[in-house]
Each structure stands twice: as C-alpha cells, then as structure tokens.
Amino acid sequence: MSWGITTKTKPIIKLISISFNRLSRDDIDSIVLIEQQNSHNPWSKNQLIESILNPANLCYSISMKNKIIGFLMAMRTLDNADILNISINKACQGKGYGNKLLHYLIKELKDRMISQLILEVRASNQAAIDFYLKHGFEEISLRKNYYMNNSKHPNQKEDGIIMRLKF
C-alpha cells in the first residue's frame, strides 16, 4: 500500500513596478551607458544632452525599481513625430520593455493630437525593423547610402529605411 500526498499551491506572481518619466540632464550618465551598450555608432553625451534639453522633443525613460532601464527620444513637428533614438539596457531586452516604452510614446502623441510617427532605421538592423513592423509600422522609403558608418563594413555607407505608423 502506498500513500500519496497532493497539495495545491497557488502560483507565485511577482509584480514588477515600472515607471515612465521625462528625461532630464540628471539622467545622462544612465542614458550614455545604455546607448553605448547597444549601438555600433552611439550618440555622444553632448548629442544626448541636446536632445533632452530641446523643448520640441519628447524624451522619456522607463525605470524599474527607480533605475533607468531604457529611454526614447522623439521630435515633434506639426502633426507628426519622429523617433530619434530608442534603447533598452541589454540585460532587460526581450522582456517587453521596448514595447511598453513605444506604447507610452504613442499614447502621449495621441493626447497631443499627433497623427503619425516616423522613424529611420539602418537597413542592417533587422531586429529593429521586425520590432517596428510588429507594431504596425510600414516601410515607406529608402535613403540610399544615408549612414556614413556601416555596422558591418566600415568603409561603406549604409542605407536607411524610413518607416511610418499612422494613428
């Protein structure tokens, strides 16, 4: 004769608190580190500061446990906006934080009556292209030899793909 013990347990759900904040100059060190982690041709500290301080730009961070894990910079024009830069800390990639940050921006743009979002991505950056296509962006144009420094072939220029999301 054997005895079996059966117990019922509830799954443990861990809530992770994230927040969105406007970027300020005080955030620059965190932003520079994330930018350098993720780009073969990172923006300089001065370029990042100029974007943050530009009143026409919408610059946000996503934070977890009060630590910045990603950022997004977009420039507003009349009825559209251009994504200038978006980046998530390497350790946090693939967990949906880029999605959350993009959705936060889209909500902010809709609240400002902006009707479309435009961006440009390196033709070799297939992961970014797939990310944007998944979110409803469409490829609308190609800028031949737009980027001076090619990620894979430093002596060649690289094409830029222009993508758009209408809402």
Protein backbone atom coordinates (compact mmCIF):
# COMPACT_ATOMS: atom_id res chain seq x y z
CA MET A 1 0.00 0.00 0.00
CA SER A 2 1.35 3.44 -0.93
CA TRP A 3 0.33 6.81 0.18
CA GLY A 4 0.40 9.89 -1.99
CA ILE A 5 0.21 13.40 -0.76
CA THR A 6 -1.28 16.00 -3.02
CA THR A 7 -1.02 19.67 -2.25
CA LYS A 8 -2.47 22.55 -4.11
CA THR A 9 -0.39 25.66 -4.33
CA LYS A 10 -1.11 28.96 -5.88
CA PRO A 11 1.33 30.24 -8.46
CA ILE A 12 3.57 32.97 -7.19
CA ILE A 13 3.02 36.19 -9.07
CA LYS A 14 5.73 38.78 -8.81
CA LEU A 15 4.65 42.27 -9.77
CA ILE A 16 7.42 44.40 -11.15
CA SER A 17 6.83 48.09 -10.83
CA ILE A 18 7.88 50.17 -13.81
CA SER A 19 7.54 53.90 -14.31
CA PHE A 20 7.84 56.36 -17.17
CA ASN A 21 9.46 59.74 -16.64
CA ARG A 22 10.57 62.69 -18.69
CA LEU A 23 14.31 62.61 -19.16
CA SER A 24 16.38 65.33 -17.58
CA ARG A 25 20.03 66.25 -17.75
CA ASP A 26 20.48 64.41 -14.42
CA ASP A 27 19.72 61.13 -16.24
CA ILE A 28 22.54 61.50 -18.73
CA ASP A 29 25.00 59.01 -17.22
CA SER A 30 22.41 56.20 -17.29
CA ILE A 31 21.41 57.10 -20.84
CA VAL A 32 25.01 57.20 -22.10
CA LEU A 33 25.69 53.71 -20.71
CA ILE A 34 22.60 52.24 -22.37
CA GLU A 35 23.40 53.98 -25.66
CA GLN A 36 26.98 52.69 -25.66
CA GLN A 37 25.81 49.13 -24.90
CA ASN A 38 23.51 48.99 -27.88
CA SER A 39 24.97 51.00 -30.73
CA HIS A 40 27.93 50.46 -33.03
CA ASN A 41 27.78 54.22 -33.60
CA PRO A 42 26.49 55.65 -30.31
CA TRP A 43 25.33 59.20 -29.89
CA SER A 44 27.77 61.38 -27.98
CA LYS A 45 26.97 62.62 -24.49
CA ASN A 46 26.51 66.13 -25.93
CA GLN A 47 24.07 64.89 -28.61
CA LEU A 48 22.02 63.15 -25.94
CA ILE A 49 22.01 66.24 -23.70
CA GLU A 50 20.97 68.48 -26.61
CA SER A 51 18.06 66.17 -27.40
CA ILE A 52 16.92 66.09 -23.79
CA LEU A 53 17.08 69.89 -23.50
CA ASN A 54 15.33 70.59 -26.82
CA PRO A 55 11.77 71.76 -25.96
CA ALA A 56 10.40 70.28 -29.21
CA ASN A 57 11.48 66.78 -28.16
CA LEU A 58 9.62 64.21 -26.13
CA CYS A 59 12.23 62.31 -24.14
CA TYR A 60 11.19 59.57 -21.73
CA SER A 61 12.80 56.90 -19.62
CA ILE A 62 11.42 53.61 -18.43
CA SER A 63 12.57 52.68 -14.95
CA MET A 64 12.35 49.60 -12.80
CA LYS A 65 12.94 49.89 -9.06
CA ASN A 66 13.95 53.53 -9.64
CA LYS A 67 16.72 52.54 -12.07
CA ILE A 68 16.56 53.65 -15.70
CA ILE A 69 16.48 50.59 -17.97
CA GLY A 70 15.68 52.33 -21.24
CA PHE A 71 14.91 55.58 -22.99
CA LEU A 72 13.18 57.02 -26.01
CA MET A 73 13.64 60.36 -27.75
CA ALA A 74 11.19 61.73 -30.31
CA MET A 75 10.91 65.08 -32.05
CA ARG A 76 7.51 66.69 -32.55
CA THR A 77 6.63 68.64 -35.65
CA LEU A 78 3.20 69.97 -36.63
CA ASP A 79 1.09 66.81 -36.82
CA ASN A 80 3.69 64.08 -36.63
CA ALA A 81 6.69 62.99 -34.63
CA ASP A 82 9.97 61.30 -35.47
CA ILE A 83 11.61 58.73 -33.23
CA LEU A 84 15.21 59.85 -32.88
CA ASN A 85 16.51 57.14 -30.56
CA ILE A 86 15.16 54.25 -28.52
CA SER A 87 17.25 51.86 -26.47
CA ILE A 88 16.79 49.33 -23.67
CA ASN A 89 19.50 48.07 -21.33
CA LYS A 90 20.91 44.81 -22.74
CA ALA A 91 20.05 42.87 -19.56
CA CYS A 92 16.41 43.92 -19.90
CA GLN A 93 15.92 43.31 -23.62
CA GLY A 94 13.40 40.75 -24.83
CA LYS A 95 11.13 41.29 -21.83
CA GLY A 96 8.65 43.74 -23.36
CA TYR A 97 10.10 46.98 -22.02
CA GLY A 98 10.69 48.39 -25.50
CA ASN A 99 7.03 47.63 -26.31
CA LYS A 100 5.89 49.43 -23.16
CA LEU A 101 8.06 52.45 -23.92
CA LEU A 102 6.81 52.69 -27.51
CA HIS A 103 3.18 52.36 -26.37
CA TYR A 104 3.75 55.10 -23.80
CA LEU A 105 5.05 57.42 -26.53
CA ILE A 106 2.12 56.62 -28.82
CA LYS A 107 -0.34 57.45 -26.01
CA GLU A 108 1.45 60.75 -25.40
CA LEU A 109 1.35 61.59 -29.12
CA LYS A 110 -2.35 60.78 -29.41
CA ASP A 111 -3.02 63.03 -26.40
CA ARG A 112 -1.24 65.82 -28.34
CA MET A 113 -3.34 65.15 -31.47
CA ILE A 114 -0.33 63.92 -33.44
CA SER A 115 -1.43 61.62 -36.25
CA GLN A 116 1.68 59.73 -37.29
CA LEU A 117 5.04 58.56 -36.08
CA ILE A 118 8.04 58.31 -38.41
CA LEU A 119 11.46 56.79 -37.90
CA GLU A 120 14.51 55.72 -39.78
CA VAL A 121 16.46 52.54 -39.18
CA ARG A 122 19.64 51.06 -40.61
CA ALA A 123 18.88 48.51 -43.33
CA SER A 124 21.11 46.01 -41.50
CA ASN A 125 19.17 46.33 -38.22
CA GLN A 126 16.70 43.52 -38.87
CA ALA A 127 15.75 43.18 -35.20
CA ALA A 128 14.62 46.81 -35.10
CA ILE A 129 12.81 46.52 -38.44
CA ASP A 130 10.94 43.44 -37.18
CA PHE A 131 10.10 45.26 -33.92
CA TYR A 132 8.55 48.18 -35.77
CA LEU A 133 6.70 46.01 -38.29
CA LYS A 134 5.20 44.07 -35.36
CA HIS A 135 3.85 47.37 -34.03
CA GLY A 136 2.16 48.31 -37.29
CA PHE A 137 4.82 50.47 -38.91
CA GLU A 138 5.21 50.26 -42.68
CA GLU A 139 8.28 50.85 -44.80
CA ILE A 140 7.67 53.97 -46.87
CA SER A 141 11.03 54.96 -48.31
CA LEU A 142 14.71 54.14 -48.63
CA ARG A 143 17.59 56.57 -48.17
CA LYS A 144 20.48 55.16 -50.20
CA ASN A 145 23.88 55.44 -48.55
CA TYR A 146 22.44 57.53 -45.72
CA TYR A 147 24.63 56.35 -42.84
CA MET A 148 28.30 57.26 -43.06
CA ASN A 149 29.44 54.34 -40.92
CA ASN A 150 28.23 50.89 -41.85
CA SER A 151 27.99 48.48 -38.90
CA LYS A 152 29.26 45.52 -40.89
CA HIS A 153 31.51 47.17 -43.49
CA PRO A 154 33.15 50.31 -42.00
CA ASN A 155 34.37 51.60 -45.36
CA GLN A 156 30.91 51.53 -46.95
CA LYS A 157 27.87 53.68 -46.37
CA GLU A 158 24.62 52.07 -45.30
CA ASP A 159 21.03 52.58 -46.44
CA GLY A 160 18.37 53.92 -44.10
CA ILE A 161 14.78 52.63 -44.19
CA ILE A 162 12.08 55.16 -43.37
CA MET A 163 9.07 53.69 -41.58
CA ARG A 164 5.72 55.20 -40.59
CA LEU A 165 2.89 54.44 -38.19
CA LYS A 166 -0.39 56.27 -38.71
CA PHE A 167 -2.93 56.55 -35.89
